[in-house]
Amino acid sequence: MPIYKYECTEKGHEFTDMCSVSDRKKERPCTQCGGVGMYKPTFEASFQYGKDYSSFASDASRWRKRENHRLGKG
């Protein structure tokens, strides 16, 4: 089963939990305060790897160009 990131709606704590894909958007109790934790989509989960995909992460040179632009190096 995959591990997903959650954020406490009451105090903003972040925590992870392991659950099925279909249950990932269900509320989870915060591990620090017991409040309501909601699923927090992560950047890593949106990547598509490989040459057959159109995401910027599929090509290392495009990734470097993006990072250099973001860091003001190019």
N, C-alpha and C. Protein backbone atom coordinates (compact mmCIF):
# COMPACT_ATOMS: atom_id res chain seq x y z
N MET A 1 0.83 -1.19 0.00
CA MET A 1 0.00 0.00 0.00
C MET A 1 0.87 1.25 0.00
N PRO A 2 0.42 2.29 -0.69
CA PRO A 2 1.19 3.53 -0.75
C PRO A 2 1.08 4.35 0.54
N ILE A 3 2.05 5.23 0.73
CA ILE A 3 2.05 6.14 1.87
C ILE A 3 1.66 7.53 1.35
N TYR A 4 0.72 8.17 2.03
CA TYR A 4 0.23 9.49 1.63
C TYR A 4 0.50 10.51 2.72
N LYS A 5 0.60 11.76 2.31
CA LYS A 5 0.82 12.86 3.24
C LYS A 5 -0.52 13.50 3.59
N TYR A 6 -0.67 13.85 4.87
CA TYR A 6 -1.88 14.49 5.38
C TYR A 6 -1.50 15.74 6.15
N GLU A 7 -2.47 16.67 6.24
CA GLU A 7 -2.26 17.89 7.01
C GLU A 7 -3.42 18.08 7.96
N CYS A 8 -3.09 18.39 9.22
CA CYS A 8 -4.09 18.62 10.25
C CYS A 8 -4.80 19.94 9.96
N THR A 9 -6.13 19.92 9.90
CA THR A 9 -6.89 21.13 9.62
C THR A 9 -6.97 22.05 10.82
N GLU A 10 -6.69 21.54 12.00
CA GLU A 10 -6.79 22.35 13.20
C GLU A 10 -5.50 23.10 13.53
N LYS A 11 -4.35 22.41 13.42
CA LYS A 11 -3.09 23.04 13.82
C LYS A 11 -2.01 23.00 12.75
N GLY A 12 -2.31 22.44 11.59
CA GLY A 12 -1.37 22.45 10.49
C GLY A 12 -0.25 21.42 10.55
N HIS A 13 -0.34 20.46 11.47
CA HIS A 13 0.67 19.41 11.53
C HIS A 13 0.64 18.59 10.24
N GLU A 14 1.81 18.15 9.80
CA GLU A 14 1.88 17.25 8.65
C GLU A 14 2.28 15.87 9.13
N PHE A 15 1.66 14.84 8.56
CA PHE A 15 1.99 13.47 8.92
C PHE A 15 1.69 12.56 7.73
N THR A 16 2.19 11.35 7.79
CA THR A 16 1.96 10.38 6.72
C THR A 16 1.17 9.20 7.25
N ASP A 17 0.49 8.53 6.33
CA ASP A 17 -0.28 7.34 6.68
C ASP A 17 -0.30 6.41 5.48
N MET A 18 -0.35 5.13 5.75
CA MET A 18 -0.40 4.12 4.71
C MET A 18 -1.85 3.66 4.56
N CYS A 19 -2.35 3.74 3.33
CA CYS A 19 -3.73 3.29 3.07
C CYS A 19 -3.88 2.99 1.59
N SER A 20 -5.02 2.43 1.23
CA SER A 20 -5.27 2.11 -0.17
C SER A 20 -5.54 3.39 -0.96
N VAL A 21 -5.38 3.30 -2.25
CA VAL A 21 -5.60 4.45 -3.13
C VAL A 21 -7.02 4.98 -2.99
N SER A 22 -7.98 4.09 -2.89
CA SER A 22 -9.38 4.52 -2.80
C SER A 22 -9.71 5.18 -1.46
N ASP A 23 -8.93 4.92 -0.42
CA ASP A 23 -9.20 5.50 0.90
C ASP A 23 -8.36 6.74 1.21
N ARG A 24 -7.50 7.16 0.29
CA ARG A 24 -6.54 8.23 0.59
C ARG A 24 -7.20 9.57 0.92
N LYS A 25 -8.37 9.85 0.38
CA LYS A 25 -9.00 11.15 0.61
C LYS A 25 -9.93 11.17 1.83
N LYS A 26 -10.00 10.05 2.54
CA LYS A 26 -10.80 10.01 3.77
C LYS A 26 -10.03 10.69 4.90
N GLU A 27 -10.77 11.27 5.84
CA GLU A 27 -10.15 11.94 6.98
C GLU A 27 -9.34 10.95 7.81
N ARG A 28 -8.22 11.42 8.36
CA ARG A 28 -7.36 10.62 9.23
C ARG A 28 -7.11 11.41 10.50
N PRO A 29 -7.00 10.74 11.64
CA PRO A 29 -6.69 11.48 12.88
C PRO A 29 -5.23 11.93 12.87
N CYS A 30 -5.01 13.18 13.26
CA CYS A 30 -3.66 13.72 13.35
C CYS A 30 -2.87 12.94 14.40
N THR A 31 -1.65 12.58 14.05
CA THR A 31 -0.82 11.80 14.96
C THR A 31 -0.29 12.62 16.13
N GLN A 32 -0.34 13.95 16.04
CA GLN A 32 0.20 14.80 17.10
C GLN A 32 -0.87 15.34 18.05
N CYS A 33 -2.02 15.73 17.49
CA CYS A 33 -3.03 16.35 18.36
C CYS A 33 -4.38 15.65 18.31
N GLY A 34 -4.56 14.68 17.40
CA GLY A 34 -5.84 13.99 17.31
C GLY A 34 -6.88 14.71 16.48
N GLY A 35 -6.51 15.85 15.91
CA GLY A 35 -7.44 16.61 15.07
C GLY A 35 -7.71 15.90 13.75
N VAL A 36 -8.44 16.56 12.88
CA VAL A 36 -8.81 15.99 11.59
C VAL A 36 -7.69 16.23 10.59
N GLY A 37 -7.20 15.17 9.99
CA GLY A 37 -6.17 15.26 8.97
C GLY A 37 -6.77 15.01 7.61
N MET A 38 -6.46 15.89 6.66
CA MET A 38 -6.97 15.75 5.30
C MET A 38 -5.82 15.44 4.34
N TYR A 39 -6.12 14.69 3.31
CA TYR A 39 -5.15 14.31 2.29
C TYR A 39 -4.53 15.56 1.68
N LYS A 40 -3.22 15.55 1.52
CA LYS A 40 -2.49 16.67 0.94
C LYS A 40 -1.75 16.16 -0.29
N PRO A 41 -2.24 16.51 -1.49
CA PRO A 41 -1.52 16.07 -2.70
C PRO A 41 -0.09 16.59 -2.69
N THR A 42 0.85 15.77 -3.11
CA THR A 42 2.25 16.17 -3.13
C THR A 42 2.73 16.34 -4.55
N PHE A 43 3.73 17.14 -4.71
CA PHE A 43 4.31 17.38 -6.03
C PHE A 43 4.85 16.10 -6.63
N GLU A 44 5.49 15.27 -5.82
CA GLU A 44 6.08 14.04 -6.31
C GLU A 44 5.05 13.10 -6.94
N ALA A 45 3.85 13.13 -6.42
CA ALA A 45 2.81 12.22 -6.91
C ALA A 45 2.33 12.60 -8.31
N SER A 46 2.59 13.82 -8.76
CA SER A 46 2.09 14.25 -10.05
C SER A 46 3.07 13.99 -11.20
N PHE A 47 4.25 13.46 -10.90
CA PHE A 47 5.23 13.20 -11.95
C PHE A 47 4.83 12.02 -12.82
N GLN A 48 5.21 12.09 -14.08
CA GLN A 48 5.11 10.96 -14.98
C GLN A 48 6.50 10.77 -15.57
N TYR A 49 7.11 9.63 -15.34
CA TYR A 49 8.47 9.39 -15.79
C TYR A 49 8.50 8.61 -17.10
N GLY A 50 9.51 8.85 -17.86
CA GLY A 50 9.71 8.11 -19.10
C GLY A 50 9.60 9.00 -20.32
N LYS A 51 10.14 8.55 -21.41
CA LYS A 51 10.16 9.35 -22.64
C LYS A 51 8.79 9.43 -23.32
N ASP A 52 7.88 8.55 -22.98
CA ASP A 52 6.57 8.54 -23.63
C ASP A 52 5.58 9.50 -22.98
N TYR A 53 6.01 10.23 -21.96
CA TYR A 53 5.13 11.14 -21.26
C TYR A 53 5.50 12.58 -21.55
N SER A 54 4.57 13.48 -21.38
CA SER A 54 4.80 14.87 -21.73
C SER A 54 5.20 15.75 -20.54
N SER A 55 5.42 15.17 -19.37
CA SER A 55 5.78 16.00 -18.22
C SER A 55 7.21 16.49 -18.35
N PHE A 56 7.51 17.65 -17.73
CA PHE A 56 8.85 18.21 -17.82
C PHE A 56 9.89 17.32 -17.15
N ALA A 57 9.48 16.42 -16.28
CA ALA A 57 10.42 15.55 -15.59
C ALA A 57 10.91 14.41 -16.47
N SER A 58 10.30 14.21 -17.63
CA SER A 58 10.69 13.10 -18.48
C SER A 58 12.00 13.35 -19.19
N ASP A 59 12.44 14.59 -19.23
CA ASP A 59 13.68 14.93 -19.93
C ASP A 59 14.60 15.67 -18.98
N ALA A 60 15.77 15.08 -18.69
CA ALA A 60 16.69 15.66 -17.71
C ALA A 60 17.13 17.06 -18.10
N SER A 61 17.33 17.33 -19.38
CA SER A 61 17.79 18.66 -19.77
C SER A 61 16.70 19.71 -19.54
N ARG A 62 15.45 19.37 -19.78
CA ARG A 62 14.37 20.32 -19.50
C ARG A 62 14.26 20.55 -18.00
N TRP A 63 14.50 19.52 -17.20
CA TRP A 63 14.47 19.67 -15.74
C TRP A 63 15.55 20.65 -15.29
N ARG A 64 16.76 20.47 -15.82
CA ARG A 64 17.86 21.36 -15.45
C ARG A 64 17.56 22.79 -15.87
N LYS A 65 17.01 22.99 -17.08
CA LYS A 65 16.66 24.33 -17.54
C LYS A 65 15.63 24.97 -16.61
N ARG A 66 14.64 24.21 -16.20
CA ARG A 66 13.62 24.75 -15.31
C ARG A 66 14.23 25.15 -13.97
N GLU A 67 15.08 24.27 -13.42
CA GLU A 67 15.70 24.57 -12.14
C GLU A 67 16.64 25.77 -12.22
N ASN A 68 17.41 25.85 -13.29
CA ASN A 68 18.28 27.01 -13.46
C ASN A 68 17.47 28.29 -13.58
N HIS A 69 16.37 28.25 -14.29
CA HIS A 69 15.50 29.42 -14.40
C HIS A 69 14.92 29.78 -13.03
N ARG A 70 14.46 28.77 -12.29
CA ARG A 70 13.87 29.00 -10.97
C ARG A 70 14.89 29.61 -10.02
N LEU A 71 16.14 29.19 -10.12
CA LEU A 71 17.18 29.67 -9.23
C LEU A 71 17.86 30.94 -9.74
N GLY A 72 17.44 31.42 -10.91
CA GLY A 72 18.01 32.65 -11.47
C GLY A 72 19.40 32.46 -12.04
N LYS A 73 19.70 31.27 -12.50
CA LYS A 73 21.04 30.98 -13.04
C LYS A 73 21.05 30.94 -14.57
N GLY A 74 19.94 31.24 -15.20
CA GLY A 74 20.00 31.11 -16.65
C GLY A 74 18.92 31.74 -17.34
